[in-house]
Amino acid sequence: SNASSSNNCYAYLSYSWFADTFTECDITYVNAGIGGTDSWLGVHRA
């Protein structure tokens, strides 16, 4: 939320560090963020 694009959110930016550093491996990015949710919902959908 409020990043100018999905590629500019902290999650994608920090994931990109792995992709840029470890260039021989196949890296999968999973973003399981849901707006307005807390860890009660987090532990149930983990």
ModelCIF file with pLDDT and N, C-alpha, C, O atoms, coordinates in Angstrom:
data_MODEL
#
_entry.id   MODEL 
#
_entity.id                         1 
_entity.type                       polymer 
_entity.pdbx_number_of_molecules   1 
#
_entity_poly.entity_id                      1 
_entity_poly.type                           'polypeptide(L)' 
_entity_poly.nstd_linkage                   no 
_entity_poly.nstd_monomer                   no 
_entity_poly.pdbx_seq_one_letter_code       SNASSSNNCYAYLSYSWFADTFTECDITYVNAGIGGTDSWLGVHRA 
_entity_poly.pdbx_seq_one_letter_code_can   SNASSSNNCYAYLSYSWFADTFTECDITYVNAGIGGTDSWLGVHRA 
_entity_poly.pdbx_strand_id                 A 
#
loop_
_entity_poly_seq.entity_id 
_entity_poly_seq.num 
_entity_poly_seq.mon_id 
_entity_poly_seq.hetero 
1 1  SER n 
1 2  ASN n 
1 3  ALA n 
1 4  SER n 
1 5  SER n 
1 6  SER n 
1 7  ASN n 
1 8  ASN n 
1 9  CYS n 
1 10 TYR n 
1 11 ALA n 
1 12 TYR n 
1 13 LEU n 
1 14 SER n 
1 15 TYR n 
1 16 SER n 
1 17 TRP n 
1 18 PHE n 
1 19 ALA n 
1 20 ASP n 
1 21 THR n 
1 22 PHE n 
1 23 THR n 
1 24 GLU n 
1 25 CYS n 
1 26 ASP n 
1 27 ILE n 
1 28 THR n 
1 29 TYR n 
1 30 VAL n 
1 31 ASN n 
1 32 ALA n 
1 33 GLY n 
1 34 ILE n 
1 35 GLY n 
1 36 GLY n 
1 37 THR n 
1 38 ASP n 
1 39 SER n 
1 40 TRP n 
1 41 LEU n 
1 42 GLY n 
1 43 VAL n 
1 44 HIS n 
1 45 ARG n 
1 46 ALA n 
#
_struct_asym.id          A 
_struct_asym.entity_id   1 
#
loop_
_ma_qa_metric.id 
_ma_qa_metric.mode 
_ma_qa_metric.name 
_ma_qa_metric.software_group_id 
_ma_qa_metric.type 
1 global pLDDT . pLDDT 
2 local  pLDDT . pLDDT 
#
_ma_qa_metric_global.metric_id      1 
_ma_qa_metric_global.metric_value   95.70 
_ma_qa_metric_global.model_id       1 
_ma_qa_metric_global.ordinal_id     1 
#
loop_
_ma_qa_metric_local.label_asym_id 
_ma_qa_metric_local.label_comp_id 
_ma_qa_metric_local.label_seq_id 
_ma_qa_metric_local.metric_id 
_ma_qa_metric_local.metric_value 
_ma_qa_metric_local.model_id 
_ma_qa_metric_local.ordinal_id 
A SER 1  2 90.00 1 1  
A ASN 2  2 89.00 1 2  
A ALA 3  2 94.00 1 3  
A SER 4  2 94.00 1 4  
A SER 5  2 94.00 1 5  
A SER 6  2 93.00 1 6  
A ASN 7  2 95.00 1 7  
A ASN 8  2 96.00 1 8  
A CYS 9  2 97.00 1 9  
A TYR 10 2 98.00 1 10 
A ALA 11 2 98.00 1 11 
A TYR 12 2 98.00 1 12 
A LEU 13 2 98.00 1 13 
A SER 14 2 98.00 1 14 
A TYR 15 2 98.00 1 15 
A SER 16 2 97.00 1 16 
A TRP 17 2 97.00 1 17 
A PHE 18 2 96.00 1 18 
A ALA 19 2 95.00 1 19 
A ASP 20 2 95.00 1 20 
A THR 21 2 95.00 1 21 
A PHE 22 2 93.00 1 22 
A THR 23 2 90.00 1 23 
A GLU 24 2 88.00 1 24 
A CYS 25 2 91.00 1 25 
A ASP 26 2 96.00 1 26 
A ILE 27 2 97.00 1 27 
A THR 28 2 98.00 1 28 
A TYR 29 2 98.00 1 29 
A VAL 30 2 98.00 1 30 
A ASN 31 2 98.00 1 31 
A ALA 32 2 98.00 1 32 
A GLY 33 2 97.00 1 33 
A ILE 34 2 96.00 1 34 
A GLY 35 2 93.00 1 35 
A GLY 36 2 91.00 1 36 
A THR 37 2 95.00 1 37 
A ASP 38 2 96.00 1 38 
A SER 39 2 98.00 1 39 
A TRP 40 2 98.00 1 40 
A LEU 41 2 98.00 1 41 
A GLY 42 2 98.00 1 42 
A VAL 43 2 98.00 1 43 
A HIS 44 2 98.00 1 44 
A ARG 45 2 98.00 1 45 
A ALA 46 2 98.00 1 46 
#
loop_
_atom_site.group_PDB 
_atom_site.id 
_atom_site.type_symbol 
_atom_site.label_atom_id 
_atom_site.label_alt_id 
_atom_site.label_comp_id 
_atom_site.label_asym_id 
_atom_site.label_entity_id 
_atom_site.label_seq_id 
_atom_site.pdbx_PDB_ins_code 
_atom_site.Cartn_x 
_atom_site.Cartn_y 
_atom_site.Cartn_z 
_atom_site.occupancy 
_atom_site.B_iso_or_equiv 
_atom_site.pdbx_formal_charge 
_atom_site.auth_seq_id 
_atom_site.auth_comp_id 
_atom_site.auth_asym_id 
_atom_site.auth_atom_id 
_atom_site.pdbx_PDB_model_num 
ATOM 1   N N  . SER A 1 1  ? 0.819  -1.211  0.000   1.00 90.00 ? 1  SER A N  1 
ATOM 2   C CA . SER A 1 1  ? 0.000  0.000   0.000   1.00 90.00 ? 1  SER A CA 1 
ATOM 3   C C  . SER A 1 1  ? 0.853  1.262   0.000   1.00 90.00 ? 1  SER A C  1 
ATOM 4   O O  . SER A 1 1  ? 1.827  1.383   0.742   1.00 90.00 ? 1  SER A O  1 
ATOM 5   N N  . ASN A 1 2  ? 0.460  2.180   -0.843  1.00 89.00 ? 2  ASN A N  1 
ATOM 6   C CA . ASN A 1 2  ? 1.058  3.508   -1.004  1.00 89.00 ? 2  ASN A CA 1 
ATOM 7   C C  . ASN A 1 2  ? 2.426  3.503   -1.667  1.00 89.00 ? 2  ASN A C  1 
ATOM 8   O O  . ASN A 1 2  ? 3.005  4.571   -1.864  1.00 89.00 ? 2  ASN A O  1 
ATOM 9   N N  . ALA A 1 3  ? 2.957  2.353   -2.014  1.00 94.00 ? 3  ALA A N  1 
ATOM 10  C CA . ALA A 1 3  ? 4.124  2.335   -2.897  1.00 94.00 ? 3  ALA A CA 1 
ATOM 11  C C  . ALA A 1 3  ? 3.646  2.702   -4.299  1.00 94.00 ? 3  ALA A C  1 
ATOM 12  O O  . ALA A 1 3  ? 2.508  2.403   -4.663  1.00 94.00 ? 3  ALA A O  1 
ATOM 13  N N  . SER A 1 4  ? 4.490  3.336   -5.072  1.00 94.00 ? 4  SER A N  1 
ATOM 14  C CA . SER A 1 4  ? 4.077  3.789   -6.400  1.00 94.00 ? 4  SER A CA 1 
ATOM 15  C C  . SER A 1 4  ? 3.774  2.639   -7.350  1.00 94.00 ? 4  SER A C  1 
ATOM 16  O O  . SER A 1 4  ? 3.043  2.812   -8.325  1.00 94.00 ? 4  SER A O  1 
ATOM 17  N N  . SER A 1 5  ? 4.335  1.466   -7.068  1.00 94.00 ? 5  SER A N  1 
ATOM 18  C CA . SER A 1 5  ? 4.019  0.252   -7.821  1.00 94.00 ? 5  SER A CA 1 
ATOM 19  C C  . SER A 1 5  ? 4.333  -0.949  -6.940  1.00 94.00 ? 5  SER A C  1 
ATOM 20  O O  . SER A 1 5  ? 5.015  -0.821  -5.923  1.00 94.00 ? 5  SER A O  1 
ATOM 21  N N  . SER A 1 6  ? 3.834  -2.109  -7.332  1.00 93.00 ? 6  SER A N  1 
ATOM 22  C CA . SER A 1 6  ? 4.092  -3.311  -6.530  1.00 93.00 ? 6  SER A CA 1 
ATOM 23  C C  . SER A 1 6  ? 5.582  -3.634  -6.475  1.00 93.00 ? 6  SER A C  1 
ATOM 24  O O  . SER A 1 6  ? 6.043  -4.254  -5.517  1.00 93.00 ? 6  SER A O  1 
ATOM 25  N N  . ASN A 1 7  ? 6.332  -3.225  -7.483  1.00 95.00 ? 7  ASN A N  1 
ATOM 26  C CA . ASN A 1 7  ? 7.779  -3.480  -7.499  1.00 95.00 ? 7  ASN A CA 1 
ATOM 27  C C  . ASN A 1 7  ? 8.551  -2.507  -6.613  1.00 95.00 ? 7  ASN A C  1 
ATOM 28  O O  . ASN A 1 7  ? 9.756  -2.666  -6.418  1.00 95.00 ? 7  ASN A O  1 
ATOM 29  N N  . ASN A 1 8  ? 7.861  -1.500  -6.076  1.00 96.00 ? 8  ASN A N  1 
ATOM 30  C CA . ASN A 1 8  ? 8.518  -0.530  -5.203  1.00 96.00 ? 8  ASN A CA 1 
ATOM 31  C C  . ASN A 1 8  ? 8.170  -0.719  -3.731  1.00 96.00 ? 8  ASN A C  1 
ATOM 32  O O  . ASN A 1 8  ? 8.547  0.104   -2.897  1.00 96.00 ? 8  ASN A O  1 
ATOM 33  N N  . CYS A 1 9  ? 7.453  -1.799  -3.402  1.00 97.00 ? 9  CYS A N  1 
ATOM 34  C CA . CYS A 1 9  ? 7.169  -2.061  -1.994  1.00 97.00 ? 9  CYS A CA 1 
ATOM 35  C C  . CYS A 1 9  ? 8.385  -2.721  -1.356  1.00 97.00 ? 9  CYS A C  1 
ATOM 36  O O  . CYS A 1 9  ? 9.220  -3.301  -2.050  1.00 97.00 ? 9  CYS A O  1 
ATOM 37  N N  . TYR A 1 10 ? 8.482  -2.630  -0.042  1.00 98.00 ? 10 TYR A N  1 
ATOM 38  C CA . TYR A 1 10 ? 9.670  -3.132  0.649   1.00 98.00 ? 10 TYR A CA 1 
ATOM 39  C C  . TYR A 1 10 ? 9.881  -4.621  0.401   1.00 98.00 ? 10 TYR A C  1 
ATOM 40  O O  . TYR A 1 10 ? 11.020 -5.081  0.323   1.00 98.00 ? 10 TYR A O  1 
ATOM 41  N N  . ALA A 1 11 ? 8.785  -5.382  0.276   1.00 98.00 ? 11 ALA A N  1 
ATOM 42  C CA . ALA A 1 11 ? 8.919  -6.827  0.097   1.00 98.00 ? 11 ALA A CA 1 
ATOM 43  C C  . ALA A 1 11 ? 9.601  -7.145  -1.231  1.00 98.00 ? 11 ALA A C  1 
ATOM 44  O O  . ALA A 1 11 ? 10.550 -7.928  -1.279  1.00 98.00 ? 11 ALA A O  1 
ATOM 45  N N  . TYR A 1 12 ? 9.117  -6.538  -2.294  1.00 98.00 ? 12 TYR A N  1 
ATOM 46  C CA . TYR A 1 12 ? 9.715  -6.835  -3.596  1.00 98.00 ? 12 TYR A CA 1 
ATOM 47  C C  . TYR A 1 12 ? 11.142 -6.301  -3.677  1.00 98.00 ? 12 TYR A C  1 
ATOM 48  O O  . TYR A 1 12 ? 12.009 -6.942  -4.272  1.00 98.00 ? 12 TYR A O  1 
ATOM 49  N N  . LEU A 1 13 ? 11.393 -5.140  -3.085  1.00 98.00 ? 13 LEU A N  1 
ATOM 50  C CA . LEU A 1 13 ? 12.742 -4.581  -3.114  1.00 98.00 ? 13 LEU A CA 1 
ATOM 51  C C  . LEU A 1 13 ? 13.739 -5.488  -2.398  1.00 98.00 ? 13 LEU A C  1 
ATOM 52  O O  . LEU A 1 13 ? 14.845 -5.706  -2.892  1.00 98.00 ? 13 LEU A O  1 
ATOM 53  N N  . SER A 1 14 ? 13.356 -6.015  -1.244  1.00 98.00 ? 14 SER A N  1 
ATOM 54  C CA . SER A 1 14 ? 14.286 -6.872  -0.501  1.00 98.00 ? 14 SER A CA 1 
ATOM 55  C C  . SER A 1 14 ? 14.417 -8.247  -1.143  1.00 98.00 ? 14 SER A C  1 
ATOM 56  O O  . SER A 1 14 ? 15.487 -8.853  -1.095  1.00 98.00 ? 14 SER A O  1 
ATOM 57  N N  . TYR A 1 15 ? 13.344 -8.742  -1.740  1.00 98.00 ? 15 TYR A N  1 
ATOM 58  C CA . TYR A 1 15 ? 13.437 -9.976  -2.526  1.00 98.00 ? 15 TYR A CA 1 
ATOM 59  C C  . TYR A 1 15 ? 14.396 -9.808  -3.696  1.00 98.00 ? 15 TYR A C  1 
ATOM 60  O O  . TYR A 1 15 ? 15.153 -10.720 -4.026  1.00 98.00 ? 15 TYR A O  1 
ATOM 61  N N  . SER A 1 16 ? 14.357 -8.637  -4.318  1.00 97.00 ? 16 SER A N  1 
ATOM 62  C CA . SER A 1 16 ? 15.221 -8.380  -5.480  1.00 97.00 ? 16 SER A CA 1 
ATOM 63  C C  . SER A 1 16 ? 16.695 -8.448  -5.106  1.00 97.00 ? 16 SER A C  1 
ATOM 64  O O  . SER A 1 16 ? 17.535 -8.775  -5.944  1.00 97.00 ? 16 SER A O  1 
ATOM 65  N N  . TRP A 1 17 ? 17.015 -8.137  -3.846  1.00 97.00 ? 17 TRP A N  1 
ATOM 66  C CA . TRP A 1 17 ? 18.416 -8.256  -3.413  1.00 97.00 ? 17 TRP A CA 1 
ATOM 67  C C  . TRP A 1 17 ? 18.877 -9.702  -3.565  1.00 97.00 ? 17 TRP A C  1 
ATOM 68  O O  . TRP A 1 17 ? 19.987 -9.947  -4.036  1.00 97.00 ? 17 TRP A O  1 
ATOM 69  N N  . PHE A 1 18 ? 18.051 -10.651 -3.177  1.00 96.00 ? 18 PHE A N  1 
ATOM 70  C CA . PHE A 1 18 ? 18.418 -12.064 -3.337  1.00 96.00 ? 18 PHE A CA 1 
ATOM 71  C C  . PHE A 1 18 ? 18.556 -12.422 -4.809  1.00 96.00 ? 18 PHE A C  1 
ATOM 72  O O  . PHE A 1 18 ? 19.506 -13.101 -5.199  1.00 96.00 ? 18 PHE A O  1 
ATOM 73  N N  . ALA A 1 19 ? 17.614 -11.968 -5.626  1.00 95.00 ? 19 ALA A N  1 
ATOM 74  C CA . ALA A 1 19 ? 17.672 -12.284 -7.050  1.00 95.00 ? 19 ALA A CA 1 
ATOM 75  C C  . ALA A 1 19 ? 18.904 -11.689 -7.704  1.00 95.00 ? 19 ALA A C  1 
ATOM 76  O O  . ALA A 1 19 ? 19.483 -12.297 -8.604  1.00 95.00 ? 19 ALA A O  1 
ATOM 77  N N  . ASP A 1 20 ? 19.313 -10.505 -7.262  1.00 95.00 ? 20 ASP A N  1 
ATOM 78  C CA . ASP A 1 20 ? 20.480 -9.844  -7.837  1.00 95.00 ? 20 ASP A CA 1 
ATOM 79  C C  . ASP A 1 20 ? 21.795 -10.405 -7.306  1.00 95.00 ? 20 ASP A C  1 
ATOM 80  O O  . ASP A 1 20 ? 22.830 -10.292 -7.963  1.00 95.00 ? 20 ASP A O  1 
ATOM 81  N N  . THR A 1 21 ? 21.758 -11.000 -6.136  1.00 95.00 ? 21 THR A N  1 
ATOM 82  C CA . THR A 1 21 ? 22.975 -11.521 -5.518  1.00 95.00 ? 21 THR A CA 1 
ATOM 83  C C  . THR A 1 21 ? 23.223 -12.971 -5.891  1.00 95.00 ? 21 THR A C  1 
ATOM 84  O O  . THR A 1 21 ? 24.340 -13.337 -6.258  1.00 95.00 ? 21 THR A O  1 
ATOM 85  N N  . PHE A 1 22 ? 22.209 -13.783 -5.802  1.00 93.00 ? 22 PHE A N  1 
ATOM 86  C CA . PHE A 1 22 ? 22.350 -15.222 -6.066  1.00 93.00 ? 22 PHE A CA 1 
ATOM 87  C C  . PHE A 1 22 ? 21.800 -15.508 -7.458  1.00 93.00 ? 22 PHE A C  1 
ATOM 88  O O  . PHE A 1 22 ? 20.638 -15.881 -7.621  1.00 93.00 ? 22 PHE A O  1 
ATOM 89  N N  . THR A 1 23 ? 22.641 -15.328 -8.432  1.00 90.00 ? 23 THR A N  1 
ATOM 90  C CA . THR A 1 23 ? 22.169 -15.283 -9.816  1.00 90.00 ? 23 THR A CA 1 
ATOM 91  C C  . THR A 1 23 ? 22.084 -16.635 -10.503 1.00 90.00 ? 23 THR A C  1 
ATOM 92  O O  . THR A 1 23 ? 21.729 -16.705 -11.680 1.00 90.00 ? 23 THR A O  1 
ATOM 93  N N  . GLU A 1 24 ? 22.399 -17.702 -9.799  1.00 88.00 ? 24 GLU A N  1 
ATOM 94  C CA . GLU A 1 24 ? 22.279 -19.007 -10.419 1.00 88.00 ? 24 GLU A CA 1 
ATOM 95  C C  . GLU A 1 24 ? 21.061 -19.770 -9.935  1.00 88.00 ? 24 GLU A C  1 
ATOM 96  O O  . GLU A 1 24 ? 20.690 -20.782 -10.529 1.00 88.00 ? 24 GLU A O  1 
ATOM 97  N N  . CYS A 1 25 ? 20.434 -19.301 -8.866  1.00 91.00 ? 25 CYS A N  1 
ATOM 98  C CA . CYS A 1 25 ? 19.295 -20.045 -8.317  1.00 91.00 ? 25 CYS A CA 1 
ATOM 99  C C  . CYS A 1 25 ? 17.977 -19.457 -8.807  1.00 91.00 ? 25 CYS A C  1 
ATOM 100 O O  . CYS A 1 25 ? 17.893 -18.298 -9.211  1.00 91.00 ? 25 CYS A O  1 
ATOM 101 N N  . ASP A 1 26 ? 16.971 -20.289 -8.756  1.00 96.00 ? 26 ASP A N  1 
ATOM 102 C CA . ASP A 1 26 ? 15.621 -19.926 -9.148  1.00 96.00 ? 26 ASP A CA 1 
ATOM 103 C C  . ASP A 1 26 ? 14.893 -19.478 -7.882  1.00 96.00 ? 26 ASP A C  1 
ATOM 104 O O  . ASP A 1 26 ? 14.608 -20.294 -7.006  1.00 96.00 ? 26 ASP A O  1 
ATOM 105 N N  . ILE A 1 27 ? 14.592 -18.180 -7.787  1.00 97.00 ? 27 ILE A N  1 
ATOM 106 C CA . ILE A 1 27 ? 14.058 -17.615 -6.553  1.00 97.00 ? 27 ILE A CA 1 
ATOM 107 C C  . ILE A 1 27 ? 12.574 -17.309 -6.714  1.00 97.00 ? 27 ILE A C  1 
ATOM 108 O O  . ILE A 1 27 ? 12.172 -16.611 -7.645  1.00 97.00 ? 27 ILE A O  1 
ATOM 109 N N  . THR A 1 28 ? 11.766 -17.837 -5.799  1.00 98.00 ? 28 THR A N  1 
ATOM 110 C CA . THR A 1 28 ? 10.324 -17.617 -5.817  1.00 98.00 ? 28 THR A CA 1 
ATOM 111 C C  . THR A 1 28 ? 9.932  -16.602 -4.746  1.00 98.00 ? 28 THR A C  1 
ATOM 112 O O  . THR A 1 28 ? 10.350 -16.701 -3.592  1.00 98.00 ? 28 THR A O  1 
ATOM 113 N N  . TYR A 1 29 ? 9.132  -15.638 -5.146  1.00 98.00 ? 29 TYR A N  1 
ATOM 114 C CA . TYR A 1 29 ? 8.680  -14.548 -4.280  1.00 98.00 ? 29 TYR A CA 1 
ATOM 115 C C  . TYR A 1 29 ? 7.211  -14.772 -3.929  1.00 98.00 ? 29 TYR A C  1 
ATOM 116 O O  . TYR A 1 29 ? 6.367  -14.889 -4.818  1.00 98.00 ? 29 TYR A O  1 
ATOM 117 N N  . VAL A 1 30 ? 6.910  -14.832 -2.639  1.00 98.00 ? 30 VAL A N  1 
ATOM 118 C CA . VAL A 1 30 ? 5.535  -15.014 -2.166  1.00 98.00 ? 30 VAL A CA 1 
ATOM 119 C C  . VAL A 1 30 ? 5.165  -13.815 -1.300  1.00 98.00 ? 30 VAL A C  1 
ATOM 120 O O  . VAL A 1 30 ? 5.750  -13.611 -0.236  1.00 98.00 ? 30 VAL A O  1 
ATOM 121 N N  . ASN A 1 31 ? 4.203  -13.027 -1.750  1.00 98.00 ? 31 ASN A N  1 
ATOM 122 C CA . ASN A 1 31 ? 3.743  -11.888 -0.964  1.00 98.00 ? 31 ASN A CA 1 
ATOM 123 C C  . ASN A 1 31 ? 2.353  -12.216 -0.427  1.00 98.00 ? 31 ASN A C  1 
ATOM 124 O O  . ASN A 1 31 ? 1.374  -12.196 -1.172  1.00 98.00 ? 31 ASN A O  1 
ATOM 125 N N  . ALA A 1 32 ? 2.273  -12.518 0.862   1.00 98.00 ? 32 ALA A N  1 
ATOM 126 C CA . ALA A 1 32 ? 1.015  -12.877 1.508   1.00 98.00 ? 32 ALA A CA 1 
ATOM 127 C C  . ALA A 1 32 ? 0.507  -11.750 2.395   1.00 98.00 ? 32 ALA A C  1 
ATOM 128 O O  . ALA A 1 32 ? -0.090 -12.000 3.442   1.00 98.00 ? 32 ALA A O  1 
ATOM 129 N N  . GLY A 1 33 ? 0.742  -10.509 1.978   1.00 97.00 ? 33 GLY A N  1 
ATOM 130 C CA . GLY A 1 33 ? 0.208  -9.370  2.715   1.00 97.00 ? 33 GLY A CA 1 
ATOM 131 C C  . GLY A 1 33 ? -1.250 -9.131  2.362   1.00 97.00 ? 33 GLY A C  1 
ATOM 132 O O  . GLY A 1 33 ? -1.616 -9.178  1.188   1.00 97.00 ? 33 GLY A O  1 
ATOM 133 N N  . ILE A 1 34 ? -2.086 -8.874  3.361   1.00 96.00 ? 34 ILE A N  1 
ATOM 134 C CA . ILE A 1 34 ? -3.488 -8.507  3.152   1.00 96.00 ? 34 ILE A CA 1 
ATOM 135 C C  . ILE A 1 34 ? -3.793 -7.295  4.018   1.00 96.00 ? 34 ILE A C  1 
ATOM 136 O O  . ILE A 1 34 ? -3.614 -7.331  5.235   1.00 96.00 ? 34 ILE A O  1 
ATOM 137 N N  . GLY A 1 35 ? -4.249 -6.233  3.394   1.00 93.00 ? 35 GLY A N  1 
ATOM 138 C CA . GLY A 1 35 ? -4.499 -4.990  4.095   1.00 93.00 ? 35 GLY A CA 1 
ATOM 139 C C  . GLY A 1 35 ? -5.522 -5.127  5.217   1.00 93.00 ? 35 GLY A C  1 
ATOM 140 O O  . GLY A 1 35 ? -6.528 -5.823  5.080   1.00 93.00 ? 35 GLY A O  1 
ATOM 141 N N  . GLY A 1 36 ? -5.244 -4.451  6.325   1.00 91.00 ? 36 GLY A N  1 
ATOM 142 C CA . GLY A 1 36 ? -6.168 -4.418  7.442   1.00 91.00 ? 36 GLY A CA 1 
ATOM 143 C C  . GLY A 1 36 ? -6.207 -5.671  8.285   1.00 91.00 ? 36 GLY A C  1 
ATOM 144 O O  . GLY A 1 36 ? -7.095 -5.811  9.127   1.00 91.00 ? 36 GLY A O  1 
ATOM 145 N N  . THR A 1 37 ? -5.282 -6.585  8.089   1.00 95.00 ? 37 THR A N  1 
ATOM 146 C CA . THR A 1 37 ? -5.301 -7.840  8.843   1.00 95.00 ? 37 THR A CA 1 
ATOM 147 C C  . THR A 1 37 ? -4.224 -7.859  9.919   1.00 95.00 ? 37 THR A C  1 
ATOM 148 O O  . THR A 1 37 ? -3.195 -7.195  9.802   1.00 95.00 ? 37 THR A O  1 
ATOM 149 N N  . ASP A 1 38 ? -4.479 -8.626  10.959  1.00 96.00 ? 38 ASP A N  1 
ATOM 150 C CA . ASP A 1 38 ? -3.525 -8.742  12.056  1.00 96.00 ? 38 ASP A CA 1 
ATOM 151 C C  . ASP A 1 38 ? -3.046 -10.178 12.179  1.00 96.00 ? 38 ASP A C  1 
ATOM 152 O O  . ASP A 1 38 ? -3.337 -11.005 11.315  1.00 96.00 ? 38 ASP A O  1 
ATOM 153 N N  . SER A 1 39 ? -2.314 -10.483 13.245  1.00 98.00 ? 39 SER A N  1 
ATOM 154 C CA . SER A 1 39 ? -1.708 -11.807 13.361  1.00 98.00 ? 39 SER A CA 1 
ATOM 155 C C  . SER A 1 39 ? -2.718 -12.893 13.712  1.00 98.00 ? 39 SER A C  1 
ATOM 156 O O  . SER A 1 39 ? -2.397 -14.075 13.591  1.00 98.00 ? 39 SER A O  1 
ATOM 157 N N  . TRP A 1 40 ? -3.948 -12.530 14.148  1.00 98.00 ? 40 TRP A N  1 
ATOM 158 C CA . TRP A 1 40 ? -4.978 -13.567 14.309  1.00 98.00 ? 40 TRP A CA 1 
ATOM 159 C C  . TRP A 1 40 ? -5.286 -14.170 12.943  1.00 98.00 ? 40 TRP A C  1 
ATOM 160 O O  . TRP A 1 40 ? -5.281 -15.389 12.776  1.00 98.00 ? 40 TRP A O  1 
ATOM 161 N N  . LEU A 1 41 ? -5.555 -13.304 11.970  1.00 98.00 ? 41 LEU A N  1 
ATOM 162 C CA . LEU A 1 41 ? -5.778 -13.814 10.622  1.00 98.00 ? 41 LEU A CA 1 
ATOM 163 C C  . LEU A 1 41 ? -4.507 -14.429 10.064  1.00 98.00 ? 41 LEU A C  1 
ATOM 164 O O  . LEU A 1 41 ? -4.560 -15.414 9.328   1.00 98.00 ? 41 LEU A O  1 
ATOM 165 N N  . GLY A 1 42 ? -3.360 -13.850 10.412  1.00 98.00 ? 42 GLY A N  1 
ATOM 166 C CA . GLY A 1 42 ? -2.089 -14.382 9.923   1.00 98.00 ? 42 GLY A CA 1 
ATOM 167 C C  . GLY A 1 42 ? -1.842 -15.807 10.356  1.00 98.00 ? 42 GLY A C  1 
ATOM 168 O O  . GLY A 1 42 ? -1.433 -16.638 9.544   1.00 98.00 ? 42 GLY A O  1 
ATOM 169 N N  . VAL A 1 43 ? -2.082 -16.111 11.631  1.00 98.00 ? 43 VAL A N  1 
ATOM 170 C CA . VAL A 1 43 ? -1.799 -17.467 12.117  1.00 98.00 ? 43 VAL A CA 1 
ATOM 171 C C  . VAL A 1 43 ? -2.804 -18.464 11.549  1.00 98.00 ? 43 VAL A C  1 
ATOM 172 O O  . VAL A 1 43 ? -2.473 -19.637 11.377  1.00 98.00 ? 43 VAL A O  1 
ATOM 173 N N  . HIS A 1 44 ? -4.027 -18.019 11.253  1.00 98.00 ? 44 HIS A N  1 
ATOM 174 C CA . HIS A 1 44 ? -5.023 -18.926 10.687  1.00 98.00 ? 44 HIS A CA 1 
ATOM 175 C C  . HIS A 1 44 ? -4.787 -19.201 9.205   1.00 98.00 ? 44 HIS A C  1 
ATOM 176 O O  . HIS A 1 44 ? -5.149 -20.269 8.711   1.00 98.00 ? 44 HIS A O  1 
ATOM 177 N N  . ARG A 1 45 ? -4.193 -18.262 8.497   1.00 98.00 ? 45 ARG A N  1 
ATOM 178 C CA . ARG A 1 45 ? -3.964 -18.478 7.069   1.00 98.00 ? 45 ARG A CA 1 
ATOM 179 C C  . ARG A 1 45 ? -2.499 -18.786 6.743   1.00 98.00 ? 45 ARG A C  1 
ATOM 180 O O  . ARG A 1 45 ? -2.129 -18.865 5.572   1.00 98.00 ? 45 ARG A O  1 
ATOM 181 N N  . ALA A 1 46 ? -1.679 -18.956 7.757   1.00 98.00 ? 46 ALA A N  1 
ATOM 182 C CA . ALA A 1 46 ? -0.249 -19.169 7.524   1.00 98.00 ? 46 ALA A CA 1 
ATOM 183 C C  . ALA A 1 46 ? 0.013  -20.391 6.660   1.00 98.00 ? 46 ALA A C  1 
ATOM 184 O O  . ALA A 1 46 ? 1.167  -20.707 6.372   1.00 98.00 ? 46 ALA A O  1 
#
